[in-house]
């Protein structure tokens, strides 16, 4: 209950229990969070306080992380996944961060370690592009993955810290060429009258693409 209320791993030993009748126990527990940030439950090991071992909490935390990894794979295993860690050798372990990305680079899912490594919270999911946190575009990750498949990439965060990242892509996405944003071409037979949005167009390819999307959202042909 304390782990669930605090949202963090905890040990309650002997007389630290709120109920006197539980003072003979030592309980180690860690919360389990799904890739969308929902608290699902807790993994707990309880036993006689006289047999308490200081590594029990580490065992519980590792178990909870393994469950979170499996939940992440079950939900996002068919999409773009990014593994990250401050140390190269940490990739592929239970301490690594996991991110799920949309094809245009937005963070749509993560395990708690992934959020912590990027300094994000659950509420930042689906409203934060990866490029806002690290100094690269998702197309750079695709390009690196094609040239050096399976090799981690050392990436700088916008705050100056560095992380190792490894992109994992489904076969269908990996084989698809990465689209380069270009200014949309308007058919000569259907010219569009200039609007206030068009007046913002400076010729930059990314801005032109964004303006075109805005026109589609407001239903302007």
N, C-alpha and C. Protein backbone atom coordinates (compact mmCIF):
# COMPACT_ATOMS: atom_id res chain seq x y z
N UNK A 1 0.81 -1.21 0.00
CA UNK A 1 0.00 0.00 0.00
C UNK A 1 0.85 1.26 0.00
N UNK A 2 1.94 1.25 0.76
CA UNK A 2 2.81 2.43 0.80
C UNK A 2 3.48 2.65 -0.55
N UNK A 3 3.91 1.58 -1.21
CA UNK A 3 4.53 1.69 -2.54
C UNK A 3 3.54 2.27 -3.54
N UNK A 4 2.29 1.86 -3.46
CA UNK A 4 1.27 2.37 -4.37
C UNK A 4 0.98 3.85 -4.10
N UNK A 5 0.90 4.20 -2.81
CA UNK A 5 0.60 5.59 -2.46
C UNK A 5 1.75 6.53 -2.84
N UNK A 6 2.99 6.07 -2.63
CA UNK A 6 4.16 6.91 -2.93
C UNK A 6 4.56 6.83 -4.40
N UNK A 7 4.17 5.74 -5.07
CA UNK A 7 4.58 5.55 -6.46
C UNK A 7 6.06 5.26 -6.60
N UNK A 8 6.66 4.68 -5.56
CA UNK A 8 8.10 4.38 -5.61
C UNK A 8 8.39 3.14 -4.76
N UNK A 9 9.50 2.44 -5.03
CA UNK A 9 9.87 1.25 -4.25
C UNK A 9 10.11 1.61 -2.78
N UNK A 10 9.77 0.68 -1.88
CA UNK A 10 9.90 0.97 -0.46
C UNK A 10 10.05 -0.33 0.33
N UNK A 11 10.73 -0.24 1.48
CA UNK A 11 10.80 -1.34 2.45
C UNK A 11 10.16 -0.86 3.73
N UNK A 12 9.26 -1.66 4.28
CA UNK A 12 8.68 -1.38 5.60
C UNK A 12 9.10 -2.54 6.50
N UNK A 13 9.91 -2.22 7.50
CA UNK A 13 10.58 -3.25 8.30
C UNK A 13 10.05 -3.28 9.73
N UNK A 14 9.60 -4.48 10.14
CA UNK A 14 9.24 -4.70 11.53
C UNK A 14 8.27 -3.69 12.10
N UNK A 15 8.70 -2.98 13.13
CA UNK A 15 7.84 -2.04 13.84
C UNK A 15 7.49 -0.80 13.03
N UNK A 16 8.06 -0.65 11.84
CA UNK A 16 7.70 0.47 10.98
C UNK A 16 6.28 0.32 10.41
N UNK A 17 5.72 -0.88 10.50
CA UNK A 17 4.37 -1.10 10.00
C UNK A 17 3.36 -0.26 10.79
N UNK A 18 2.32 0.19 10.10
CA UNK A 18 1.28 0.97 10.76
C UNK A 18 0.47 0.12 11.74
N UNK A 19 0.27 -1.13 11.39
CA UNK A 19 -0.48 -2.04 12.27
C UNK A 19 0.49 -2.84 13.14
N UNK A 20 0.28 -2.80 14.44
CA UNK A 20 1.19 -3.50 15.35
C UNK A 20 1.24 -5.00 15.07
N UNK A 21 0.12 -5.56 14.64
CA UNK A 21 0.10 -6.99 14.42
C UNK A 21 0.96 -7.43 13.23
N UNK A 22 1.40 -6.47 12.39
CA UNK A 22 2.27 -6.80 11.27
C UNK A 22 3.74 -6.55 11.57
N UNK A 23 4.06 -6.26 12.83
CA UNK A 23 5.43 -5.91 13.19
C UNK A 23 6.39 -7.08 13.05
N UNK A 24 5.89 -8.29 12.88
CA UNK A 24 6.79 -9.44 12.71
C UNK A 24 7.27 -9.57 11.26
N UNK A 25 6.74 -8.71 10.37
CA UNK A 25 7.05 -8.81 8.94
C UNK A 25 8.05 -7.76 8.48
N UNK A 26 8.72 -8.07 7.40
CA UNK A 26 9.43 -7.08 6.59
C UNK A 26 8.88 -7.20 5.18
N UNK A 27 8.45 -6.07 4.61
CA UNK A 27 7.82 -6.08 3.29
C UNK A 27 8.60 -5.15 2.35
N UNK A 28 8.96 -5.67 1.19
CA UNK A 28 9.62 -4.88 0.14
C UNK A 28 8.70 -4.89 -1.08
N UNK A 29 8.39 -3.71 -1.60
CA UNK A 29 7.44 -3.62 -2.72
C UNK A 29 7.88 -2.55 -3.71
N UNK A 30 7.50 -2.75 -4.98
CA UNK A 30 7.78 -1.77 -6.04
C UNK A 30 6.54 -1.65 -6.91
N UNK A 31 6.16 -0.43 -7.28
CA UNK A 31 4.98 -0.24 -8.14
C UNK A 31 5.25 -0.73 -9.56
N UNK A 32 4.18 -1.06 -10.27
CA UNK A 32 4.24 -1.47 -11.67
C UNK A 32 3.42 -0.48 -12.49
N UNK A 33 4.06 0.12 -13.48
CA UNK A 33 3.43 1.18 -14.28
C UNK A 33 3.40 0.74 -15.74
N UNK A 34 2.28 0.98 -16.42
CA UNK A 34 2.19 0.58 -17.83
C UNK A 34 2.82 1.67 -18.71
N UNK A 35 3.02 1.39 -20.03
CA UNK A 35 3.72 2.34 -20.90
C UNK A 35 3.01 3.68 -21.07
N UNK A 36 1.73 3.74 -20.71
CA UNK A 36 1.02 5.00 -20.78
C UNK A 36 1.04 5.78 -19.49
N UNK A 37 1.71 5.23 -18.46
CA UNK A 37 1.84 5.92 -17.18
C UNK A 37 0.84 5.52 -16.13
N UNK A 38 -0.06 4.57 -16.45
CA UNK A 38 -1.06 4.16 -15.47
C UNK A 38 -0.45 3.22 -14.43
N UNK A 39 -0.77 3.45 -13.17
CA UNK A 39 -0.32 2.59 -12.08
C UNK A 39 -1.19 1.35 -12.03
N UNK A 40 -0.59 0.18 -12.24
CA UNK A 40 -1.36 -1.06 -12.34
C UNK A 40 -1.41 -1.84 -11.04
N UNK A 41 -0.37 -1.73 -10.22
CA UNK A 41 -0.31 -2.52 -9.00
C UNK A 41 1.10 -2.48 -8.44
N UNK A 42 1.42 -3.46 -7.59
CA UNK A 42 2.74 -3.50 -6.99
C UNK A 42 3.20 -4.95 -6.87
N UNK A 43 4.50 -5.14 -6.96
CA UNK A 43 5.10 -6.45 -6.71
C UNK A 43 5.69 -6.41 -5.30
N UNK A 44 5.33 -7.40 -4.46
CA UNK A 44 5.71 -7.37 -3.05
C UNK A 44 6.33 -8.69 -2.62
N UNK A 45 7.35 -8.60 -1.79
CA UNK A 45 7.90 -9.77 -1.10
C UNK A 45 7.83 -9.49 0.39
N UNK A 46 7.07 -10.30 1.11
CA UNK A 46 6.92 -10.14 2.56
C UNK A 46 7.38 -11.41 3.26
N UNK A 47 7.99 -11.23 4.41
CA UNK A 47 8.45 -12.38 5.18
C UNK A 47 8.80 -11.99 6.60
N UNK A 48 9.19 -12.99 7.39
CA UNK A 48 9.58 -12.76 8.78
C UNK A 48 10.73 -11.76 8.82
N UNK A 49 10.58 -10.74 9.66
CA UNK A 49 11.58 -9.68 9.72
C UNK A 49 12.96 -10.20 10.10
N UNK A 50 12.99 -11.35 10.80
CA UNK A 50 14.29 -11.90 11.21
C UNK A 50 15.07 -12.47 10.03
N UNK A 51 14.36 -12.75 8.93
CA UNK A 51 15.04 -13.28 7.75
C UNK A 51 15.24 -12.23 6.67
N UNK A 52 15.10 -10.97 7.01
CA UNK A 52 15.23 -9.91 6.01
C UNK A 52 16.62 -9.86 5.42
N UNK A 53 16.69 -9.69 4.11
CA UNK A 53 17.95 -9.53 3.40
C UNK A 53 17.95 -8.19 2.69
N UNK A 54 19.03 -7.46 2.76
CA UNK A 54 19.06 -6.11 2.20
C UNK A 54 18.93 -6.07 0.68
N UNK A 55 19.13 -7.21 0.02
CA UNK A 55 19.01 -7.25 -1.44
C UNK A 55 17.57 -7.51 -1.90
N UNK A 56 16.66 -7.73 -0.96
CA UNK A 56 15.28 -8.05 -1.35
C UNK A 56 14.65 -6.92 -2.14
N UNK A 57 14.87 -5.68 -1.74
CA UNK A 57 14.29 -4.55 -2.46
C UNK A 57 14.80 -4.51 -3.89
N UNK A 58 16.09 -4.77 -4.08
CA UNK A 58 16.65 -4.79 -5.43
C UNK A 58 16.00 -5.87 -6.29
N UNK A 59 15.72 -7.02 -5.67
CA UNK A 59 15.06 -8.11 -6.39
C UNK A 59 13.65 -7.71 -6.81
N UNK A 60 12.93 -7.06 -5.90
CA UNK A 60 11.57 -6.62 -6.21
C UNK A 60 11.59 -5.56 -7.32
N UNK A 61 12.51 -4.62 -7.23
CA UNK A 61 12.59 -3.57 -8.26
C UNK A 61 12.90 -4.17 -9.62
N UNK A 62 13.82 -5.13 -9.66
CA UNK A 62 14.16 -5.77 -10.94
C UNK A 62 12.96 -6.53 -11.49
N UNK A 63 12.22 -7.21 -10.61
CA UNK A 63 11.03 -7.94 -11.04
C UNK A 63 9.99 -7.01 -11.63
N UNK A 64 9.77 -5.87 -10.97
CA UNK A 64 8.79 -4.90 -11.47
C UNK A 64 9.22 -4.34 -12.82
N UNK A 65 10.51 -4.07 -12.98
CA UNK A 65 11.00 -3.55 -14.26
C UNK A 65 10.85 -4.57 -15.37
N UNK A 66 11.07 -5.84 -15.06
CA UNK A 66 10.90 -6.89 -16.06
C UNK A 66 9.43 -6.96 -16.52
N UNK A 67 8.51 -6.81 -15.57
CA UNK A 67 7.09 -6.81 -15.93
C UNK A 67 6.78 -5.60 -16.80
N UNK A 68 7.32 -4.44 -16.44
CA UNK A 68 7.10 -3.22 -17.23
C UNK A 68 7.66 -3.36 -18.65
N UNK A 69 8.81 -4.04 -18.76
CA UNK A 69 9.38 -4.29 -20.09
C UNK A 69 8.43 -5.13 -20.93
N UNK A 70 7.87 -6.17 -20.33
CA UNK A 70 6.96 -7.05 -21.06
C UNK A 70 5.67 -6.31 -21.45
N UNK A 71 5.18 -5.47 -20.58
CA UNK A 71 4.00 -4.67 -20.90
C UNK A 71 4.29 -3.72 -22.06
N UNK A 72 5.49 -3.14 -22.06
CA UNK A 72 5.90 -2.24 -23.14
C UNK A 72 5.95 -2.98 -24.47
N UNK A 73 6.58 -4.15 -24.47
CA UNK A 73 6.70 -4.94 -25.69
C UNK A 73 5.33 -5.37 -26.20
N UNK A 74 4.44 -5.74 -25.27
CA UNK A 74 3.10 -6.17 -25.68
C UNK A 74 2.33 -5.05 -26.35
N UNK A 75 2.51 -3.81 -25.90
CA UNK A 75 1.76 -2.69 -26.46
C UNK A 75 2.44 -2.07 -27.67
N UNK A 76 3.78 -2.00 -27.66
CA UNK A 76 4.49 -1.24 -28.70
C UNK A 76 5.47 -2.09 -29.51
N UNK A 77 5.40 -3.40 -29.35
CA UNK A 77 6.37 -4.26 -30.03
C UNK A 77 6.29 -4.21 -31.54
N UNK A 78 5.18 -3.77 -32.10
CA UNK A 78 5.03 -3.72 -33.55
C UNK A 78 5.34 -2.34 -34.12
N UNK A 79 5.79 -1.40 -33.27
CA UNK A 79 6.06 -0.05 -33.73
C UNK A 79 7.52 0.33 -33.56
N UNK A 80 7.79 1.62 -33.71
CA UNK A 80 9.14 2.13 -33.52
C UNK A 80 9.46 2.16 -32.03
N UNK A 81 10.61 1.59 -31.67
CA UNK A 81 11.01 1.55 -30.27
C UNK A 81 12.44 2.07 -30.14
N UNK A 82 12.66 2.81 -29.07
CA UNK A 82 13.97 3.38 -28.83
C UNK A 82 14.45 2.95 -27.45
N UNK A 83 15.60 2.28 -27.41
CA UNK A 83 16.22 1.90 -26.14
C UNK A 83 17.27 2.94 -25.78
N UNK A 84 17.32 3.35 -24.53
CA UNK A 84 18.27 4.38 -24.14
C UNK A 84 18.82 4.15 -22.74
N UNK A 85 20.05 4.60 -22.54
CA UNK A 85 20.71 4.47 -21.24
C UNK A 85 21.90 5.42 -21.21
N UNK A 86 22.26 5.84 -20.01
CA UNK A 86 23.41 6.73 -19.88
C UNK A 86 24.72 6.00 -20.18
N UNK A 87 24.73 4.68 -20.04
CA UNK A 87 25.91 3.86 -20.32
C UNK A 87 25.61 2.91 -21.47
N UNK A 88 26.56 2.75 -22.36
CA UNK A 88 26.37 1.87 -23.51
C UNK A 88 26.00 0.45 -23.08
N UNK A 89 26.69 -0.05 -22.04
CA UNK A 89 26.46 -1.42 -21.59
C UNK A 89 25.12 -1.58 -20.87
N UNK A 90 24.44 -0.47 -20.57
CA UNK A 90 23.14 -0.56 -19.92
C UNK A 90 22.00 -0.89 -20.87
N UNK A 91 22.24 -0.75 -22.18
CA UNK A 91 21.21 -1.09 -23.16
C UNK A 91 20.96 -2.59 -23.14
N UNK A 92 19.68 -2.96 -23.15
CA UNK A 92 19.33 -4.37 -23.13
C UNK A 92 19.21 -4.95 -21.74
N UNK A 93 19.37 -4.14 -20.69
CA UNK A 93 19.23 -4.59 -19.31
C UNK A 93 17.91 -4.08 -18.73
N UNK A 94 17.59 -4.53 -17.52
CA UNK A 94 16.33 -4.09 -16.90
C UNK A 94 16.37 -2.63 -16.47
N UNK A 95 17.55 -2.00 -16.52
CA UNK A 95 17.65 -0.59 -16.13
C UNK A 95 17.52 0.36 -17.31
N UNK A 96 17.39 -0.16 -18.53
CA UNK A 96 17.33 0.71 -19.70
C UNK A 96 15.99 1.44 -19.78
N UNK A 97 16.01 2.57 -20.47
CA UNK A 97 14.78 3.27 -20.77
C UNK A 97 14.21 2.78 -22.09
N UNK A 98 12.90 2.79 -22.20
CA UNK A 98 12.21 2.37 -23.42
C UNK A 98 11.26 3.47 -23.86
N UNK A 99 11.31 3.83 -25.13
CA UNK A 99 10.40 4.81 -25.69
C UNK A 99 9.71 4.21 -26.90
N UNK A 100 8.45 4.55 -27.09
CA UNK A 100 7.72 4.24 -28.31
C UNK A 100 7.54 5.54 -29.07
N UNK A 101 7.84 5.52 -30.37
CA UNK A 101 7.78 6.72 -31.18
C UNK A 101 6.78 6.58 -32.31
N UNK A 102 6.13 7.67 -32.64
CA UNK A 102 5.35 7.71 -33.88
C UNK A 102 6.35 7.86 -35.03
N UNK A 103 5.91 7.63 -36.25
CA UNK A 103 6.83 7.68 -37.38
C UNK A 103 7.36 9.09 -37.64
N UNK A 104 6.68 10.11 -37.13
CA UNK A 104 7.18 11.47 -37.29
C UNK A 104 7.88 11.98 -36.04
N UNK A 105 8.20 11.05 -35.11
CA UNK A 105 9.10 11.41 -34.02
C UNK A 105 8.49 11.87 -32.72
N UNK A 106 7.19 11.63 -32.49
CA UNK A 106 6.57 12.01 -31.22
C UNK A 106 6.65 10.85 -30.23
N UNK A 107 6.86 11.15 -28.97
CA UNK A 107 6.96 10.12 -27.93
C UNK A 107 5.56 9.73 -27.50
N UNK A 108 5.17 8.49 -27.80
CA UNK A 108 3.78 8.06 -27.53
C UNK A 108 3.70 7.04 -26.40
N UNK A 109 4.83 6.56 -25.90
CA UNK A 109 4.83 5.60 -24.80
C UNK A 109 6.23 5.51 -24.21
N UNK A 110 6.31 5.09 -22.95
CA UNK A 110 7.61 4.99 -22.29
C UNK A 110 7.48 4.17 -21.01
N UNK A 111 8.59 3.57 -20.60
CA UNK A 111 8.62 2.98 -19.27
C UNK A 111 9.14 4.04 -18.30
N UNK A 112 9.00 3.84 -16.98
CA UNK A 112 9.43 4.87 -16.03
C UNK A 112 10.90 5.26 -16.18
N UNK A 113 11.77 4.29 -16.51
CA UNK A 113 13.19 4.61 -16.68
C UNK A 113 13.39 5.54 -17.87
N UNK A 114 12.64 5.32 -18.94
CA UNK A 114 12.76 6.19 -20.11
C UNK A 114 12.34 7.62 -19.80
N UNK A 115 11.24 7.77 -19.07
CA UNK A 115 10.81 9.11 -18.68
C UNK A 115 11.86 9.79 -17.81
N UNK A 116 12.42 9.04 -16.86
CA UNK A 116 13.41 9.62 -15.94
C UNK A 116 14.66 10.06 -16.69
N UNK A 117 15.12 9.26 -17.65
CA UNK A 117 16.34 9.59 -18.40
C UNK A 117 16.16 10.85 -19.24
N UNK A 118 14.93 11.13 -19.66
CA UNK A 118 14.68 12.31 -20.47
C UNK A 118 14.13 13.48 -19.67
N UNK A 119 13.93 13.27 -18.36
CA UNK A 119 13.40 14.34 -17.53
C UNK A 119 11.95 14.66 -17.84
N UNK A 120 11.18 13.63 -18.23
CA UNK A 120 9.78 13.82 -18.59
C UNK A 120 8.85 13.23 -17.54
N UNK A 121 7.57 13.58 -17.64
CA UNK A 121 6.53 13.00 -16.80
C UNK A 121 5.50 12.31 -17.68
N UNK A 122 4.63 11.54 -17.05
CA UNK A 122 3.61 10.82 -17.81
C UNK A 122 2.78 11.77 -18.67
N UNK A 123 2.48 12.94 -18.15
CA UNK A 123 1.67 13.90 -18.89
C UNK A 123 2.32 14.43 -20.15
N UNK A 124 3.64 14.20 -20.30
CA UNK A 124 4.35 14.67 -21.49
C UNK A 124 4.21 13.71 -22.67
N UNK A 125 3.70 12.49 -22.43
CA UNK A 125 3.53 11.53 -23.51
C UNK A 125 2.50 12.04 -24.51
N UNK A 126 2.79 11.82 -25.78
CA UNK A 126 1.93 12.19 -26.92
C UNK A 126 1.89 13.68 -27.21
N UNK A 127 2.53 14.50 -26.40
CA UNK A 127 2.56 15.93 -26.70
C UNK A 127 4.00 16.43 -26.82
N UNK A 128 4.97 15.51 -26.79
CA UNK A 128 6.38 15.90 -26.83
C UNK A 128 7.10 15.21 -27.98
N UNK A 129 7.66 15.97 -28.92
CA UNK A 129 8.49 15.36 -29.97
C UNK A 129 9.88 15.05 -29.43
N UNK A 130 10.48 13.97 -29.91
CA UNK A 130 11.82 13.60 -29.46
C UNK A 130 12.81 14.72 -29.69
N UNK A 131 12.66 15.45 -30.80
CA UNK A 131 13.60 16.52 -31.15
C UNK A 131 13.60 17.66 -30.14
N UNK A 132 12.57 17.75 -29.30
CA UNK A 132 12.55 18.79 -28.27
C UNK A 132 13.47 18.42 -27.10
N UNK A 133 13.79 17.13 -26.97
CA UNK A 133 14.58 16.66 -25.83
C UNK A 133 16.02 16.36 -26.21
N UNK A 134 16.24 15.84 -27.39
CA UNK A 134 17.58 15.50 -27.85
C UNK A 134 17.88 16.24 -29.14
N UNK A 135 19.18 16.42 -29.40
CA UNK A 135 19.60 17.23 -30.54
C UNK A 135 19.72 16.39 -31.82
N UNK A 136 18.60 15.84 -32.27
CA UNK A 136 18.55 15.12 -33.53
C UNK A 136 17.10 14.94 -33.95
N UNK A 137 16.94 14.60 -35.23
CA UNK A 137 15.62 14.32 -35.76
C UNK A 137 15.45 12.81 -35.89
N UNK A 138 14.20 12.36 -35.97
CA UNK A 138 13.98 10.92 -36.10
C UNK A 138 14.58 10.41 -37.40
N UNK A 139 14.65 11.25 -38.43
CA UNK A 139 15.27 10.83 -39.69
C UNK A 139 16.76 10.53 -39.50
N UNK A 140 17.41 11.25 -38.56
CA UNK A 140 18.82 10.96 -38.26
C UNK A 140 18.97 9.57 -37.66
N UNK A 141 18.01 9.18 -36.81
CA UNK A 141 18.05 7.84 -36.22
C UNK A 141 17.86 6.77 -37.29
N UNK A 142 16.93 7.01 -38.22
CA UNK A 142 16.72 6.07 -39.31
C UNK A 142 17.99 5.92 -40.14
N UNK A 143 18.62 7.03 -40.45
CA UNK A 143 19.82 7.02 -41.27
C UNK A 143 20.95 6.26 -40.57
N UNK A 144 21.13 6.53 -39.27
CA UNK A 144 22.16 5.82 -38.49
C UNK A 144 21.87 4.33 -38.46
N UNK A 145 20.62 3.98 -38.28
CA UNK A 145 20.24 2.57 -38.17
C UNK A 145 20.48 1.83 -39.49
N UNK A 146 20.31 2.52 -40.61
CA UNK A 146 20.57 1.89 -41.90
C UNK A 146 22.07 1.70 -42.13
N UNK A 147 22.85 2.68 -41.73
CA UNK A 147 24.29 2.60 -41.97
C UNK A 147 25.00 1.70 -40.96
N UNK A 148 24.51 1.71 -39.71
CA UNK A 148 25.15 0.92 -38.65
C UNK A 148 24.08 0.18 -37.84
N UNK A 149 23.43 -0.81 -38.45
CA UNK A 149 22.32 -1.50 -37.78
C UNK A 149 22.76 -2.15 -36.47
N UNK A 150 21.96 -1.90 -35.43
CA UNK A 150 22.22 -2.50 -34.13
C UNK A 150 23.24 -1.77 -33.28
N UNK A 151 23.91 -0.78 -33.84
CA UNK A 151 24.94 -0.07 -33.07
C UNK A 151 24.33 1.13 -32.36
N UNK A 152 24.58 1.28 -31.05
CA UNK A 152 24.02 2.42 -30.32
C UNK A 152 24.57 3.74 -30.84
N UNK A 153 23.77 4.76 -30.75
CA UNK A 153 24.16 6.11 -31.16
C UNK A 153 24.28 7.00 -29.93
N UNK A 154 25.38 7.71 -29.80
CA UNK A 154 25.57 8.64 -28.69
C UNK A 154 24.92 9.97 -29.05
N UNK A 155 23.95 10.36 -28.23
CA UNK A 155 23.12 11.53 -28.54
C UNK A 155 23.20 12.54 -27.40
N UNK A 156 23.25 13.81 -27.75
CA UNK A 156 23.27 14.88 -26.74
C UNK A 156 21.85 15.37 -26.48
N UNK A 157 21.50 15.48 -25.20
CA UNK A 157 20.24 16.09 -24.83
C UNK A 157 20.36 17.60 -24.95
N UNK A 158 19.24 18.30 -24.97
CA UNK A 158 19.28 19.75 -25.08
C UNK A 158 19.90 20.40 -23.84
N UNK A 159 19.96 19.65 -22.72
CA UNK A 159 20.59 20.21 -21.52
C UNK A 159 22.09 19.91 -21.47
N UNK A 160 22.62 19.27 -22.51
CA UNK A 160 24.06 18.99 -22.59
C UNK A 160 24.46 17.60 -22.16
N UNK A 161 23.60 16.87 -21.43
CA UNK A 161 23.93 15.51 -21.03
C UNK A 161 23.85 14.59 -22.24
N UNK A 162 24.43 13.38 -22.12
CA UNK A 162 24.50 12.46 -23.25
C UNK A 162 23.88 11.12 -22.91
N UNK A 163 23.27 10.51 -23.91
CA UNK A 163 22.65 9.21 -23.76
C UNK A 163 23.00 8.33 -24.96
N UNK A 164 23.06 7.03 -24.72
CA UNK A 164 23.19 6.07 -25.81
C UNK A 164 21.78 5.63 -26.21
N UNK A 165 21.53 5.61 -27.52
CA UNK A 165 20.22 5.22 -28.02
C UNK A 165 20.36 4.18 -29.12
N UNK A 166 19.41 3.25 -29.14
CA UNK A 166 19.37 2.25 -30.21
C UNK A 166 17.94 2.14 -30.72
N UNK A 167 17.77 2.41 -32.00
CA UNK A 167 16.44 2.36 -32.61
C UNK A 167 16.13 0.95 -33.08
N UNK A 168 14.90 0.50 -32.81
CA UNK A 168 14.43 -0.78 -33.31
C UNK A 168 13.18 -0.53 -34.12
N UNK A 169 13.17 -1.02 -35.35
CA UNK A 169 12.08 -0.74 -36.26
C UNK A 169 11.46 -2.02 -36.80
N UNK A 170 10.14 -2.03 -37.00
CA UNK A 170 9.52 -3.16 -37.68
C UNK A 170 10.04 -3.24 -39.11
N UNK A 171 10.04 -4.41 -39.69
CA UNK A 171 10.60 -4.59 -41.03
C UNK A 171 9.94 -3.68 -42.05
N UNK A 172 8.61 -3.51 -41.95
CA UNK A 172 7.90 -2.69 -42.93
C UNK A 172 8.32 -1.23 -42.87
N UNK A 173 8.57 -0.75 -41.66
CA UNK A 173 8.98 0.65 -41.50
C UNK A 173 10.44 0.82 -41.90
N UNK A 174 11.28 -0.17 -41.53
CA UNK A 174 12.71 -0.07 -41.83
C UNK A 174 12.96 -0.02 -43.33
N UNK A 175 12.11 -0.71 -44.11
CA UNK A 175 12.31 -0.76 -45.56
C UNK A 175 11.76 0.47 -46.27
N UNK A 176 10.97 1.27 -45.56
CA UNK A 176 10.34 2.43 -46.16
C UNK A 176 11.30 3.60 -46.19
N UNK A 177 11.46 4.29 -47.31
CA UNK A 177 12.36 5.44 -47.34
C UNK A 177 11.85 6.55 -46.44
N UNK A 178 12.76 7.26 -45.79
CA UNK A 178 12.37 8.37 -44.91
C UNK A 178 12.01 9.56 -45.77
N UNK A 179 10.83 10.07 -45.58
CA UNK A 179 10.38 11.20 -46.39
C UNK A 179 11.10 12.47 -45.99
N UNK A 180 11.55 13.22 -46.99
CA UNK A 180 12.19 14.50 -46.73
C UNK A 180 11.14 15.59 -46.92
N UNK A 181 10.90 16.40 -45.89
CA UNK A 181 9.88 17.43 -46.03
C UNK A 181 10.19 18.37 -47.19
N UNK A 182 9.24 18.59 -48.05
CA UNK A 182 9.40 19.50 -49.18
C UNK A 182 8.17 20.39 -49.25
N UNK A 183 8.34 21.51 -49.90
CA UNK A 183 7.20 22.41 -50.07
C UNK A 183 6.16 21.72 -50.93
N UNK A 184 4.92 21.69 -50.49
CA UNK A 184 3.87 21.01 -51.27
C UNK A 184 3.66 21.68 -52.62
N UNK A 185 3.42 20.85 -53.63
CA UNK A 185 3.17 21.34 -54.98
C UNK A 185 1.66 21.45 -55.20
N UNK A 186 1.22 22.57 -55.67
CA UNK A 186 -0.20 22.79 -55.93
C UNK A 186 -0.45 22.63 -57.42
N UNK A 187 -1.44 21.83 -57.78
CA UNK A 187 -1.74 21.60 -59.19
C UNK A 187 -2.13 22.90 -59.86
N UNK A 188 -1.62 23.10 -61.11
CA UNK A 188 -1.89 24.34 -61.84
C UNK A 188 -3.36 24.50 -62.14
N UNK A 189 -4.06 23.37 -62.25
CA UNK A 189 -5.47 23.43 -62.58
C UNK A 189 -6.36 23.82 -61.41
N UNK A 190 -5.77 23.81 -60.20
CA UNK A 190 -6.58 24.14 -59.03
C UNK A 190 -5.80 25.07 -58.12
N UNK A 191 -5.54 26.29 -58.57
CA UNK A 191 -4.76 27.23 -57.77
C UNK A 191 -5.50 27.59 -56.48
N UNK A 192 -4.73 27.81 -55.44
CA UNK A 192 -5.34 28.16 -54.16
C UNK A 192 -5.11 29.63 -53.89
N UNK A 193 -6.16 30.31 -53.52
CA UNK A 193 -6.01 31.72 -53.19
C UNK A 193 -5.20 31.86 -51.92
N UNK A 194 -4.37 32.89 -51.87
CA UNK A 194 -3.50 33.07 -50.71
C UNK A 194 -4.32 33.46 -49.49
N UNK A 195 -3.89 32.97 -48.34
CA UNK A 195 -4.57 33.24 -47.08
C UNK A 195 -3.57 33.83 -46.10
N UNK A 196 -4.05 34.09 -44.88
CA UNK A 196 -3.15 34.59 -43.84
C UNK A 196 -2.06 33.58 -43.52
N UNK A 197 -2.40 32.30 -43.62
CA UNK A 197 -1.39 31.27 -43.39
C UNK A 197 -0.31 31.31 -44.46
N UNK A 198 -0.73 31.47 -45.73
CA UNK A 198 0.24 31.52 -46.83
C UNK A 198 1.19 32.70 -46.68
N UNK A 199 0.70 33.76 -46.08
CA UNK A 199 1.54 34.94 -45.90
C UNK A 199 2.71 34.67 -44.96
N UNK A 200 2.58 33.60 -44.15
CA UNK A 200 3.66 33.24 -43.22
C UNK A 200 4.76 32.43 -43.90
N UNK A 201 4.50 31.94 -45.11
CA UNK A 201 5.42 31.03 -45.78
C UNK A 201 6.65 31.80 -46.26
N UNK A 202 7.81 31.45 -45.70
CA UNK A 202 9.07 32.12 -46.06
C UNK A 202 9.87 31.31 -47.06
N UNK A 203 9.34 30.13 -47.45
CA UNK A 203 10.09 29.28 -48.37
C UNK A 203 10.78 28.13 -47.67
N UNK A 204 10.80 28.15 -46.33
CA UNK A 204 11.40 27.05 -45.58
C UNK A 204 10.55 25.79 -45.77
N UNK A 205 11.21 24.65 -46.07
CA UNK A 205 10.48 23.42 -46.39
C UNK A 205 9.61 22.96 -45.23
N UNK A 206 10.16 23.00 -43.99
CA UNK A 206 9.39 22.52 -42.83
C UNK A 206 8.18 23.42 -42.57
N UNK A 207 8.38 24.73 -42.68
CA UNK A 207 7.28 25.65 -42.44
C UNK A 207 6.20 25.48 -43.51
N UNK A 208 6.62 25.28 -44.73
CA UNK A 208 5.65 25.08 -45.81
C UNK A 208 4.81 23.84 -45.57
N UNK A 209 5.47 22.76 -45.11
CA UNK A 209 4.75 21.52 -44.81
C UNK A 209 3.76 21.73 -43.68
N UNK A 210 4.16 22.50 -42.65
CA UNK A 210 3.28 22.77 -41.52
C UNK A 210 2.07 23.60 -41.95
N UNK A 211 2.29 24.57 -42.84
CA UNK A 211 1.19 25.40 -43.34
C UNK A 211 0.22 24.56 -44.13
N UNK A 212 0.74 23.64 -44.94
CA UNK A 212 -0.13 22.76 -45.71
C UNK A 212 -1.00 21.90 -44.81
N UNK A 213 -0.42 21.38 -43.71
CA UNK A 213 -1.19 20.59 -42.74
C UNK A 213 -2.29 21.46 -42.11
N UNK A 214 -1.95 22.70 -41.80
CA UNK A 214 -2.93 23.61 -41.18
C UNK A 214 -4.11 23.84 -42.12
N UNK A 215 -3.80 23.98 -43.43
CA UNK A 215 -4.88 24.17 -44.40
C UNK A 215 -5.81 22.95 -44.43
N UNK A 216 -5.22 21.76 -44.33
CA UNK A 216 -6.03 20.55 -44.34
C UNK A 216 -6.92 20.46 -43.10
N UNK A 217 -6.37 20.90 -41.94
CA UNK A 217 -7.13 20.84 -40.69
C UNK A 217 -8.34 21.76 -40.72
N UNK A 218 -8.17 22.92 -41.34
CA UNK A 218 -9.29 23.87 -41.36
C UNK A 218 -10.18 23.66 -42.59
N UNK A 219 -9.80 22.67 -43.41
CA UNK A 219 -10.66 22.31 -44.54
C UNK A 219 -10.53 23.23 -45.73
N UNK A 220 -9.40 23.95 -45.83
CA UNK A 220 -9.22 24.85 -46.96
C UNK A 220 -8.61 24.07 -48.12
N UNK A 221 -9.19 24.07 -49.32
CA UNK A 221 -8.68 23.30 -50.43
C UNK A 221 -7.35 23.86 -50.95
